Amino acid sequence: MASTIDVNKLLPLFQAATPAERARYAGILAVSLFSVYFLSTSIYNLFFHPLAKFPGPFLARSSLLWRIWKSMRGRFHRAIEREHRRYGPVVRISPNELSFASVASWKDIYGHAVGGKSTMIKSEFYEMYGSGFDSLCIGSERDPKNHNRMRKSLSAAFSTKALSEQEFIIQKCVDGLIAQLGRKGTQPKGVNMTKWYEMFAFDVLGEMAFGESFHCVESGEPHFWSELVTKHLFFITVLDNLSRYPLLVSLGKVFLPWLTVSVRDKHTGYTRAKVAQRLAAKTSRKDFLTNLIGKVESGEVNTEELTAHSSTLVIAGGETIATFFAAVTYYLLTTPEAYGKLRMEIRARYKSYDEIDSTTAQQLPYLQAVISEGLRMYPPGAQGFPRVCPGAMIDGQYVPAGAEVYTSAWTVTHDPQYFHEPMSFKPERWLDPNCADVKDASQPFSLGPRGCLGRNFAYVEMSLLLAKLHYMYDMELLNKKLDWEGNSHMHVMWWKPALNVHFTRRVGA
């Protein structure tokens, strides 16, 4: 006859125990319950979960521990790459999450919904971008219809015509940086270009989103808001991991608010203040918000949505472009042949610094190849852009509804089946018509209806600064032993090491 536990007999024993004994019993009970929970969910995840057939590391398939550990270390992109090399083009990296590493997966996951296909909406991860605001923004809105409305409202600011009208603003910021590098960068110790590119990008966003610069380059000091953005992105990583584990969500509610709310509230508060200042300015100068302000005045868009959009522009538009400039500078200065070709092309095209504009710079073949290769080597969204699968074929495999999926941008752009010598910086691959590399494997701006709205703006900024910078100066990397990628960490966006560079103004410039 099976034995049973009489709770009525155990209760008096517990009540008669000393406080220390009660604490020990409670601890044993908690550990036992957690062990049962962990074991039962692990068994379900391994054998009965809808994604059970997909390969991946044991800990990743059975629980969230593998994902959380790798993600919090900031080297998740490399961990995913290793598992793809081991398991193939699709890897299960958490119980309900699949990473793909193929050209086909780009279109299957992010492409337009055609031929009866359903749209793969953004995952809940993106809602964290809107944390602290009373409205979602173009970065956090998951509903395709609402996103389309927002995109139409913002698209006018990024049209070719608008960018042409606004180029003088970017020119002013570029010229300010070039002048400061002539004063600061020519000193023997050089300057940390990771820092200076971030200050430049932040100044540009200040001009374009709020009508005035933050004067970071002029002062030589980062604005406190840019540091808040970096902290904000790290906390998004923390909250993303907590939200996946019900038990950790409860712990997070107890221990994290004092940390995250402070950073979030400072960020949202300053965004609101800058937007209010921009609305009160009544300037005739066109910038990113001009069209939206008109919609606010007509009642089509509320002020809180405008503010949330502004936050996204600062986070996505500033940090990503600064990351590109720092990375491409490192790769150029550690690849002398490519660096020499770029300088030769720019200096042969222009007779003077003042001739340089974005239109002609975007027509320089080698410069554009350098941009493409820089984006491939160090993609801004290296980890991937998560989507929720509605139940669909991805790269020839059926993925059940509800699974979180994405293409691992780092893995696919560093896969030798798509790029010859993928770890080498070779701009020539983008120019050689006989090159067998699969260029579509690199999608730094994503694609489809959620593709980056600021792509054209980014190319204006990238082309203009690179052309002017390398026309004016010869540059030398001072920390020659630097392992750029090895010392980088990914928390939504890149956390980058110092990049110490010395500048010499070229003769005749």
Protein backbone atom coordinates (compact mmCIF):
# COMPACT_ATOMS: atom_id res chain seq x y z
CA MET A 1 0.00 0.00 0.00
CA ALA A 2 1.42 3.37 -1.00
CA SER A 3 2.43 5.69 1.82
CA THR A 4 0.93 9.17 2.08
CA ILE A 5 2.01 12.39 3.78
CA ASP A 6 -0.36 13.61 6.47
CA VAL A 7 -0.13 17.40 6.28
CA ASN A 8 -2.09 17.73 9.51
CA LYS A 9 0.71 15.92 11.36
CA LEU A 10 3.47 17.96 9.70
CA LEU A 11 1.92 21.35 10.48
CA PRO A 12 2.32 21.09 14.30
CA LEU A 13 5.94 20.03 13.82
CA PHE A 14 6.58 23.13 11.68
CA GLN A 15 4.83 25.38 14.22
CA ALA A 16 6.90 23.93 17.06
CA ALA A 17 10.18 24.45 15.21
CA THR A 18 12.58 27.27 16.05
CA PRO A 19 12.81 30.25 13.63
CA ALA A 20 16.11 28.91 12.28
CA GLU A 21 14.55 25.49 11.64
CA ARG A 22 11.53 27.07 9.96
CA ALA A 23 13.81 29.04 7.66
CA ARG A 24 15.68 25.85 6.79
CA TYR A 25 12.44 23.95 6.09
CA ALA A 26 11.13 26.83 3.96
CA GLY A 27 14.38 26.88 2.02
CA ILE A 28 14.24 23.14 1.42
CA LEU A 29 10.64 23.46 0.26
CA ALA A 30 11.46 26.34 -2.09
CA VAL A 31 14.42 24.48 -3.60
CA SER A 32 12.32 21.34 -3.98
CA LEU A 33 9.49 23.20 -5.71
CA PHE A 34 11.91 24.99 -8.02
CA SER A 35 13.66 21.71 -8.84
CA VAL A 36 10.34 20.07 -9.72
CA TYR A 37 9.34 23.10 -11.81
CA PHE A 38 12.69 23.25 -13.59
CA LEU A 39 12.80 19.50 -14.25
CA SER A 40 9.22 19.31 -15.51
CA THR A 41 9.56 22.32 -17.83
CA SER A 42 12.91 21.04 -19.11
CA ILE A 43 11.39 17.66 -19.98
CA TYR A 44 8.51 19.41 -21.76
CA ASN A 45 10.87 21.71 -23.65
CA LEU A 46 13.13 18.85 -24.73
CA PHE A 47 10.50 16.36 -25.85
CA PHE A 48 7.03 17.92 -26.16
CA HIS A 49 7.52 21.57 -27.11
CA PRO A 50 6.45 22.51 -30.69
CA LEU A 51 10.11 23.37 -31.44
CA ALA A 52 11.49 20.11 -30.00
CA LYS A 53 12.66 18.87 -33.42
CA PHE A 54 15.07 21.78 -33.98
CA PRO A 55 18.74 21.29 -32.99
CA GLY A 56 20.65 23.36 -30.48
CA PRO A 57 22.70 23.20 -27.28
CA PHE A 58 21.12 21.04 -24.58
CA LEU A 59 20.80 23.89 -22.09
CA ALA A 60 19.28 26.15 -24.76
CA ARG A 61 16.68 23.56 -25.77
CA SER A 62 15.76 22.68 -22.19
CA SER A 63 15.69 26.07 -20.46
CA LEU A 64 16.45 29.77 -20.72
CA LEU A 65 19.68 29.51 -18.73
CA TRP A 66 21.94 29.26 -21.79
CA ARG A 67 20.33 32.26 -23.47
CA ILE A 68 20.37 34.46 -20.39
CA TRP A 69 24.00 33.67 -19.60
CA LYS A 70 25.26 34.30 -23.14
CA SER A 71 23.14 37.42 -23.61
CA MET A 72 24.16 39.10 -20.37
CA ARG A 73 27.84 38.56 -21.15
CA GLY A 74 27.43 40.68 -24.28
CA ARG A 75 28.86 38.04 -26.62
CA PHE A 76 25.59 36.47 -27.69
CA HIS A 77 26.28 37.07 -31.39
CA ARG A 78 29.46 34.99 -31.20
CA ALA A 79 27.80 32.24 -29.17
CA ILE A 80 25.04 31.97 -31.78
CA GLU A 81 27.63 31.86 -34.57
CA ARG A 82 29.43 28.94 -32.91
CA GLU A 83 26.20 26.99 -32.59
CA HIS A 84 25.31 27.61 -36.24
CA ARG A 85 28.70 26.26 -37.26
CA ARG A 86 27.91 23.17 -35.20
CA TYR A 87 24.22 22.58 -35.98
CA GLY A 88 23.60 24.26 -39.33
CA PRO A 89 21.40 27.08 -40.68
CA VAL A 90 18.74 26.88 -37.97
CA VAL A 91 19.48 26.64 -34.24
CA ARG A 92 17.18 26.57 -31.24
CA ILE A 93 18.78 29.04 -28.85
CA SER A 94 16.05 28.98 -26.20
CA PRO A 95 12.92 26.85 -25.76
CA ASN A 96 10.77 29.10 -27.97
CA GLU A 97 13.42 30.86 -30.06
CA LEU A 98 15.06 29.97 -33.38
CA SER A 99 18.04 31.64 -34.99
CA PHE A 100 18.45 31.35 -38.76
CA ALA A 101 21.62 31.94 -40.75
CA SER A 102 20.74 31.91 -44.44
CA VAL A 103 19.96 34.31 -47.26
CA ALA A 104 16.51 32.78 -47.70
CA SER A 105 15.61 33.47 -44.07
CA TRP A 106 16.07 37.22 -44.57
CA LYS A 107 13.20 37.34 -47.06
CA ASP A 108 11.07 34.70 -45.34
CA ILE A 109 11.16 36.48 -41.98
CA TYR A 110 11.37 40.16 -42.88
CA GLY A 111 10.06 40.38 -46.44
CA HIS A 112 6.69 41.67 -47.58
CA ALA A 113 3.69 39.39 -47.04
CA VAL A 114 2.89 38.24 -50.59
CA GLY A 115 1.24 35.16 -52.05
CA GLY A 116 -0.97 34.54 -49.03
CA LYS A 117 1.88 34.79 -46.51
CA SER A 118 1.16 36.31 -43.13
CA THR A 119 3.25 39.16 -41.77
CA MET A 120 5.72 38.23 -39.07
CA ILE A 121 5.16 40.91 -36.45
CA LYS A 122 7.80 42.21 -34.10
CA SER A 123 8.25 40.34 -30.83
CA GLU A 124 7.37 41.78 -27.42
CA PHE A 125 11.05 42.71 -27.07
CA TYR A 126 10.40 45.92 -29.03
CA GLU A 127 7.81 47.22 -26.60
CA MET A 128 10.66 47.94 -24.20
CA TYR A 129 11.76 50.74 -26.52
CA GLY A 130 8.56 52.55 -25.65
CA SER A 131 8.98 51.99 -21.92
CA GLY A 132 8.24 55.19 -20.02
CA PHE A 133 6.11 56.81 -22.72
CA ASP A 134 2.32 56.79 -22.95
CA SER A 135 2.49 56.01 -26.66
CA LEU A 136 4.28 53.49 -28.83
CA CYS A 137 6.65 54.70 -31.55
CA ILE A 138 7.83 53.47 -34.93
CA GLY A 139 10.45 51.33 -33.21
CA SER A 140 8.12 49.71 -30.66
CA GLU A 141 4.78 49.50 -32.51
CA ARG A 142 4.06 45.84 -33.33
CA ASP A 143 0.75 46.22 -35.15
CA PRO A 144 1.45 46.40 -38.92
CA LYS A 145 -1.37 48.88 -39.63
CA ASN A 146 -0.32 51.30 -36.92
CA HIS A 147 3.31 50.94 -37.93
CA ASN A 148 2.43 51.72 -41.54
CA ARG A 149 0.63 54.89 -40.43
CA MET A 150 3.65 55.96 -38.40
CA ARG A 151 6.03 55.19 -41.23
CA LYS A 152 4.02 57.36 -43.64
CA SER A 153 4.08 60.21 -41.13
CA LEU A 154 7.87 60.05 -40.83
CA SER A 155 8.83 59.11 -44.40
CA ALA A 156 8.69 62.68 -45.73
CA ALA A 157 11.60 63.62 -43.45
CA PHE A 158 13.81 60.95 -45.04
CA SER A 159 12.96 61.53 -48.70
CA THR A 160 15.69 62.43 -51.19
CA LYS A 161 14.26 65.94 -51.48
CA ALA A 162 14.18 66.48 -47.72
CA LEU A 163 17.72 65.20 -47.24
CA SER A 164 18.95 67.49 -50.00
CA GLU A 165 17.38 70.45 -48.22
CA GLN A 166 18.86 69.37 -44.88
CA GLU A 167 22.38 68.53 -46.04
CA PHE A 168 23.73 71.91 -44.95
CA ILE A 169 22.95 70.92 -41.36
CA ILE A 170 25.01 67.74 -41.66
CA GLN A 171 27.76 69.67 -43.46
CA LYS A 172 27.98 72.07 -40.52
CA CYS A 173 28.37 69.21 -38.04
CA VAL A 174 30.95 67.45 -40.22
CA ASP A 175 32.99 70.63 -40.61
CA GLY A 176 32.88 71.17 -36.85
CA LEU A 177 34.26 67.68 -36.23
CA ILE A 178 36.97 68.06 -38.90
CA ALA A 179 38.11 71.34 -37.31
CA GLN A 180 38.22 69.87 -33.80
CA LEU A 181 40.20 66.84 -34.95
CA GLY A 182 42.73 69.26 -36.44
CA ARG A 183 43.14 70.84 -33.01
CA LYS A 184 42.90 67.79 -30.77
CA GLY A 185 43.83 64.82 -32.94
CA THR A 186 47.18 66.16 -34.14
CA GLN A 187 48.59 66.02 -30.61
CA PRO A 188 50.93 63.06 -29.93
CA LYS A 189 48.39 61.16 -27.80
CA GLY A 190 45.71 61.46 -30.50
CA VAL A 191 42.02 61.17 -29.63
CA ASN A 192 39.57 58.39 -28.82
CA MET A 193 37.50 58.26 -32.00
CA THR A 194 34.89 55.98 -30.46
CA LYS A 195 34.02 58.89 -28.19
CA TRP A 196 34.30 61.58 -30.89
CA TYR A 197 32.12 59.74 -33.38
CA GLU A 198 29.45 59.33 -30.70
CA MET A 199 29.60 63.05 -29.93
CA PHE A 200 29.36 63.90 -33.62
CA ALA A 201 26.39 61.59 -34.19
CA PHE A 202 24.62 63.00 -31.15
CA ASP A 203 25.14 66.57 -32.35
CA VAL A 204 23.68 65.68 -35.75
CA LEU A 205 20.63 64.08 -34.12
CA GLY A 206 20.19 67.13 -31.92
CA GLU A 207 20.13 69.36 -34.98
CA MET A 208 17.86 67.09 -37.00
CA ALA A 209 15.41 66.03 -34.29
CA PHE A 210 15.29 69.03 -31.94
CA GLY A 211 16.49 71.97 -34.00
CA GLU A 212 19.76 72.55 -32.15
CA SER A 213 23.07 70.81 -31.55
CA PHE A 214 24.05 69.34 -28.19
CA HIS A 215 27.48 70.99 -28.75
CA CYS A 216 29.34 67.83 -27.78
CA VAL A 217 32.02 68.22 -30.47
CA GLU A 218 32.45 71.91 -29.69
CA SER A 219 32.95 71.26 -25.97
CA GLY A 220 34.85 68.02 -26.44
CA GLU A 221 32.63 66.33 -23.85
CA PRO A 222 29.78 63.81 -24.26
CA HIS A 223 26.28 64.95 -23.37
CA PHE A 224 24.83 63.23 -20.30
CA TRP A 225 21.91 62.03 -22.43
CA SER A 226 24.15 59.91 -24.65
CA GLU A 227 25.39 58.07 -21.57
CA LEU A 228 21.79 57.56 -20.46
CA VAL A 229 21.03 55.98 -23.83
CA THR A 230 23.86 53.46 -23.34
CA LYS A 231 22.57 52.53 -19.88
CA HIS A 232 19.02 52.36 -21.22
CA LEU A 233 20.07 49.81 -23.85
CA PHE A 234 21.78 47.62 -21.26
CA PHE A 235 18.66 47.61 -19.10
CA ILE A 236 16.62 46.60 -22.15
CA THR A 237 18.87 43.51 -22.33
CA VAL A 238 18.26 42.82 -18.63
CA LEU A 239 14.50 43.29 -18.88
CA ASP A 240 14.29 41.21 -22.05
CA ASN A 241 15.88 38.27 -20.26
CA LEU A 242 13.74 38.71 -17.15
CA SER A 243 10.54 38.86 -19.18
CA ARG A 244 11.22 35.40 -20.59
CA TYR A 245 11.33 33.70 -17.19
CA PRO A 246 8.20 34.08 -14.98
CA LEU A 247 10.17 33.45 -11.79
CA LEU A 248 12.74 36.09 -12.69
CA VAL A 249 10.03 38.62 -13.56
CA SER A 250 8.90 38.56 -9.93
CA LEU A 251 12.45 39.02 -8.67
CA GLY A 252 12.99 41.81 -11.17
CA LYS A 253 9.97 43.71 -9.88
CA VAL A 254 11.56 43.70 -6.43
CA PHE A 255 15.20 44.45 -7.19
CA LEU A 256 15.35 46.34 -10.50
CA PRO A 257 12.95 49.29 -10.29
CA TRP A 258 15.32 51.47 -8.26
CA LEU A 259 17.92 50.97 -11.00
CA THR A 260 15.94 50.94 -14.23
CA VAL A 261 13.22 53.44 -13.40
CA SER A 262 15.78 56.12 -12.56
CA VAL A 263 17.53 55.75 -15.92
CA ARG A 264 14.25 55.41 -17.82
CA ASP A 265 12.68 58.45 -16.19
CA LYS A 266 15.73 60.62 -16.84
CA HIS A 267 15.71 59.56 -20.49
CA THR A 268 11.99 60.07 -21.04
CA GLY A 269 11.95 63.29 -19.04
CA TYR A 270 14.71 64.87 -21.06
CA THR A 271 13.12 63.71 -24.32
CA ARG A 272 9.85 65.38 -23.34
CA ALA A 273 11.67 68.59 -22.43
CA LYS A 274 13.51 68.73 -25.76
CA VAL A 275 10.34 68.04 -27.75
CA ALA A 276 8.46 70.75 -25.84
CA GLN A 277 11.29 73.15 -26.61
CA ARG A 278 11.18 72.20 -30.30
CA LEU A 279 7.40 72.66 -30.46
CA ALA A 280 7.70 76.11 -28.90
CA ALA A 281 10.46 77.20 -31.29
CA LYS A 282 8.16 77.64 -34.33
CA THR A 283 11.20 77.53 -36.62
CA SER A 284 10.86 77.51 -40.40
CA ARG A 285 13.91 75.29 -40.76
CA LYS A 286 12.98 71.76 -41.83
CA ASP A 287 14.15 68.75 -39.85
CA PHE A 288 12.97 65.24 -38.92
CA LEU A 289 10.04 66.48 -36.86
CA THR A 290 8.70 69.17 -39.21
CA ASN A 291 6.06 66.98 -40.85
CA LEU A 292 5.03 65.36 -37.55
CA ILE A 293 4.65 68.72 -35.83
CA GLY A 294 2.13 69.67 -38.50
CA LYS A 295 0.21 66.49 -37.72
CA VAL A 296 0.31 67.28 -33.99
CA GLU A 297 -1.12 70.72 -34.67
CA SER A 298 -3.91 69.19 -36.78
CA GLY A 299 -4.67 66.59 -34.10
CA GLU A 300 -3.71 63.63 -36.29
CA VAL A 301 -0.78 62.68 -34.01
CA ASN A 302 -0.56 63.34 -30.27
CA THR A 303 2.44 64.94 -28.59
CA GLU A 304 3.35 61.78 -26.68
CA GLU A 305 3.70 59.80 -29.91
CA LEU A 306 5.90 62.54 -31.33
CA THR A 307 8.03 62.34 -28.19
CA ALA A 308 8.33 58.55 -28.41
CA HIS A 309 9.42 58.84 -32.06
CA SER A 310 12.07 61.35 -31.03
CA SER A 311 13.44 58.93 -28.46
CA THR A 312 13.78 56.24 -31.12
CA LEU A 313 15.54 58.63 -33.49
CA VAL A 314 18.11 59.40 -30.80
CA ILE A 315 18.69 55.77 -29.81
CA ALA A 316 18.64 54.16 -33.24
CA GLY A 317 19.85 57.04 -35.38
CA GLY A 318 22.73 58.22 -33.22
CA GLU A 319 24.30 55.09 -31.80
CA THR A 320 24.20 53.05 -35.02
CA ILE A 321 25.95 55.66 -37.17
CA ALA A 322 28.61 56.27 -34.50
CA THR A 323 29.21 52.53 -34.36
CA PHE A 324 29.68 52.35 -38.13
CA PHE A 325 32.23 55.18 -38.18
CA ALA A 326 34.29 53.71 -35.34
CA ALA A 327 34.28 50.22 -36.87
CA VAL A 328 35.14 51.29 -40.41
CA THR A 329 37.95 53.50 -39.09
CA TYR A 330 39.44 50.52 -37.27
CA TYR A 331 39.18 48.24 -40.31
CA LEU A 332 40.66 50.85 -42.65
CA LEU A 333 43.60 51.62 -40.38
CA THR A 334 44.38 47.92 -39.97
CA THR A 335 44.09 47.26 -43.72
CA PRO A 336 46.71 49.53 -45.35
CA GLU A 337 45.87 48.56 -48.94
CA ALA A 338 42.20 49.47 -48.57
CA TYR A 339 43.06 52.65 -46.70
CA GLY A 340 45.43 53.72 -49.45
CA LYS A 341 42.88 53.09 -52.20
CA LEU A 342 40.21 55.08 -50.39
CA ARG A 343 42.44 58.11 -49.89
CA MET A 344 43.61 57.98 -53.49
CA GLU A 345 40.04 57.90 -54.85
CA ILE A 346 38.83 60.78 -52.69
CA ARG A 347 41.84 63.01 -53.28
CA ALA A 348 41.82 62.40 -57.02
CA ARG A 349 38.13 63.34 -57.27
CA TYR A 350 38.19 66.63 -55.38
CA LYS A 351 40.44 69.64 -55.92
CA SER A 352 39.40 71.26 -52.66
CA TYR A 353 37.69 70.41 -49.38
CA ASP A 354 34.80 72.76 -50.12
CA GLU A 355 33.87 70.80 -53.28
CA ILE A 356 32.84 67.75 -51.29
CA ASP A 357 29.13 67.06 -50.99
CA SER A 358 27.06 63.94 -50.37
CA THR A 359 25.82 63.64 -53.95
CA THR A 360 29.29 63.31 -55.45
CA ALA A 361 30.60 61.31 -52.49
CA GLN A 362 27.88 58.72 -53.04
CA GLN A 363 29.15 58.31 -56.61
CA LEU A 364 32.66 57.25 -55.52
CA PRO A 365 32.77 53.47 -56.10
CA TYR A 366 35.50 52.55 -53.64
CA LEU A 367 34.07 54.76 -50.91
CA GLN A 368 30.68 53.05 -51.29
CA ALA A 369 32.40 49.65 -51.25
CA VAL A 370 34.14 50.63 -48.00
CA ILE A 371 30.75 51.52 -46.51
CA SER A 372 29.20 48.22 -47.60
CA GLU A 373 32.13 46.23 -46.25
CA GLY A 374 32.15 48.12 -42.96
CA LEU A 375 28.45 47.37 -42.47
CA ARG A 376 29.07 43.70 -43.29
CA MET A 377 32.01 43.32 -40.94
CA TYR A 378 30.30 44.99 -37.99
CA PRO A 379 26.53 44.94 -38.60
CA PRO A 380 24.61 47.34 -36.34
CA GLY A 381 21.99 44.71 -35.47
CA ALA A 382 24.42 41.83 -35.12
CA GLN A 383 22.20 39.78 -32.86
CA GLY A 384 19.10 39.83 -35.06
CA PHE A 385 15.68 41.48 -35.26
CA PRO A 386 13.18 39.15 -33.48
CA ARG A 387 9.81 38.38 -35.06
CA VAL A 388 6.87 36.19 -34.03
CA CYS A 389 6.17 33.44 -36.55
CA PRO A 390 2.48 33.01 -37.48
CA GLY A 391 3.16 29.42 -38.59
CA ALA A 392 5.13 29.52 -41.82
CA MET A 393 7.92 28.08 -43.94
CA ILE A 394 11.32 29.62 -43.22
CA ASP A 395 14.24 28.52 -45.38
CA GLY A 396 12.36 25.37 -46.35
CA GLN A 397 11.37 24.35 -42.82
CA TYR A 398 7.96 24.75 -41.22
CA VAL A 399 8.06 26.78 -38.01
CA PRO A 400 4.99 26.55 -35.72
CA ALA A 401 2.98 29.62 -34.76
CA GLY A 402 4.18 31.55 -31.74
CA ALA A 403 7.89 30.83 -32.15
CA GLU A 404 10.28 33.77 -31.94
CA VAL A 405 12.54 33.82 -35.00
CA TYR A 406 15.24 35.97 -36.55
CA THR A 407 18.19 35.94 -38.90
CA SER A 408 21.52 36.15 -37.09
CA ALA A 409 23.10 39.05 -38.98
CA TRP A 410 26.55 38.43 -37.53
CA THR A 411 26.55 34.75 -38.44
CA VAL A 412 25.27 35.09 -42.00
CA THR A 413 27.65 37.95 -42.87
CA HIS A 414 30.63 35.98 -41.55
CA ASP A 415 29.74 32.67 -43.18
CA PRO A 416 32.34 31.45 -45.70
CA GLN A 417 29.61 29.96 -47.89
CA TYR A 418 28.43 33.53 -48.56
CA PHE A 419 31.62 35.57 -48.27
CA HIS A 420 35.14 34.48 -49.18
CA GLU A 421 37.51 35.16 -46.27
CA PRO A 422 34.62 36.56 -44.21
CA MET A 423 36.80 37.83 -41.37
CA SER A 424 38.91 39.96 -43.74
CA PHE A 425 38.06 43.55 -44.65
CA LYS A 426 37.87 43.47 -48.46
CA PRO A 427 35.93 46.36 -50.05
CA GLU A 428 36.90 45.00 -53.48
CA ARG A 429 34.34 42.20 -53.09
CA TRP A 430 31.60 44.80 -53.68
CA LEU A 431 33.17 46.02 -56.95
CA ASP A 432 34.36 42.85 -58.70
CA PRO A 433 31.64 41.61 -61.12
CA ASN A 434 33.24 38.15 -61.02
CA CYS A 435 33.15 37.92 -57.23
CA ALA A 436 31.09 34.90 -56.17
CA ASP A 437 30.14 36.36 -52.78
CA VAL A 438 26.41 36.39 -52.05
CA LYS A 439 25.88 40.10 -51.38
CA ASP A 440 22.24 39.64 -50.32
CA ALA A 441 23.49 37.89 -47.19
CA SER A 442 24.33 41.33 -45.80
CA GLN A 443 21.23 43.33 -44.85
CA PRO A 444 22.44 45.94 -42.35
CA PHE A 445 19.24 47.97 -42.66
CA SER A 446 17.00 44.89 -42.68
CA LEU A 447 14.40 44.74 -45.46
CA GLY A 448 10.69 44.64 -46.17
CA PRO A 449 8.02 46.82 -44.53
CA ARG A 450 10.11 47.20 -41.37
CA GLY A 451 13.36 48.08 -43.14
CA CYS A 452 15.24 51.04 -41.67
CA LEU A 453 13.51 54.30 -42.57
CA GLY A 454 16.75 56.26 -42.11
CA ARG A 455 18.79 54.35 -44.69
CA ASN A 456 19.12 57.29 -47.12
CA PHE A 457 20.01 59.65 -44.30
CA ALA A 458 22.68 57.22 -43.09
CA TYR A 459 24.29 57.06 -46.54
CA VAL A 460 24.39 60.86 -46.77
CA GLU A 461 26.06 61.08 -43.37
CA MET A 462 28.46 58.17 -43.95
CA SER A 463 29.53 59.31 -47.42
CA LEU A 464 29.99 62.95 -46.49
CA LEU A 465 32.03 62.44 -43.33
CA LEU A 466 34.28 59.74 -44.78
CA ALA A 467 35.00 61.80 -47.90
CA LYS A 468 35.85 64.97 -45.96
CA LEU A 469 37.79 63.18 -43.23
CA HIS A 470 40.05 61.24 -45.57
CA TYR A 471 40.50 64.18 -47.92
CA MET A 472 41.82 66.31 -45.08
CA TYR A 473 43.81 63.94 -42.86
CA ASP A 474 46.13 60.97 -42.77
CA MET A 475 45.29 58.80 -39.77
CA GLU A 476 47.24 56.33 -37.63
CA LEU A 477 45.87 53.81 -35.15
CA LEU A 478 47.80 54.17 -31.89
CA ASN A 479 46.58 51.09 -30.00
CA LYS A 480 47.88 48.70 -32.66
CA LYS A 481 47.21 45.54 -30.65
CA LEU A 482 43.51 46.34 -30.37
CA ASP A 483 41.15 43.47 -31.14
CA TRP A 484 38.14 45.55 -32.10
CA GLU A 485 35.44 42.90 -32.25
CA GLY A 486 36.94 40.82 -29.47
CA ASN A 487 36.71 43.79 -27.11
CA SER A 488 33.19 44.73 -28.20
CA HIS A 489 29.99 43.69 -26.45
CA MET A 490 26.44 43.54 -27.79
CA HIS A 491 23.59 44.80 -25.60
CA VAL A 492 20.91 45.57 -28.20
CA MET A 493 23.60 47.71 -29.85
CA TRP A 494 27.39 47.60 -29.71
CA TRP A 495 29.42 48.61 -26.67
CA LYS A 496 32.73 49.53 -28.25
CA PRO A 497 36.34 49.78 -27.02
CA ALA A 498 38.45 52.93 -27.18
CA LEU A 499 39.89 53.69 -30.63
CA ASN A 500 42.90 55.96 -30.21
CA VAL A 501 43.87 57.66 -33.48
CA HIS A 502 46.50 60.27 -34.41
CA PHE A 503 45.73 62.75 -37.20
CA THR A 504 48.12 64.49 -39.58
CA ARG A 505 46.80 67.16 -41.91
CA ARG A 506 47.97 66.24 -45.39
CA VAL A 507 50.12 68.63 -47.36
CA GLY A 508 48.06 70.85 -49.63
CA ALA A 509 44.72 70.24 -47.89
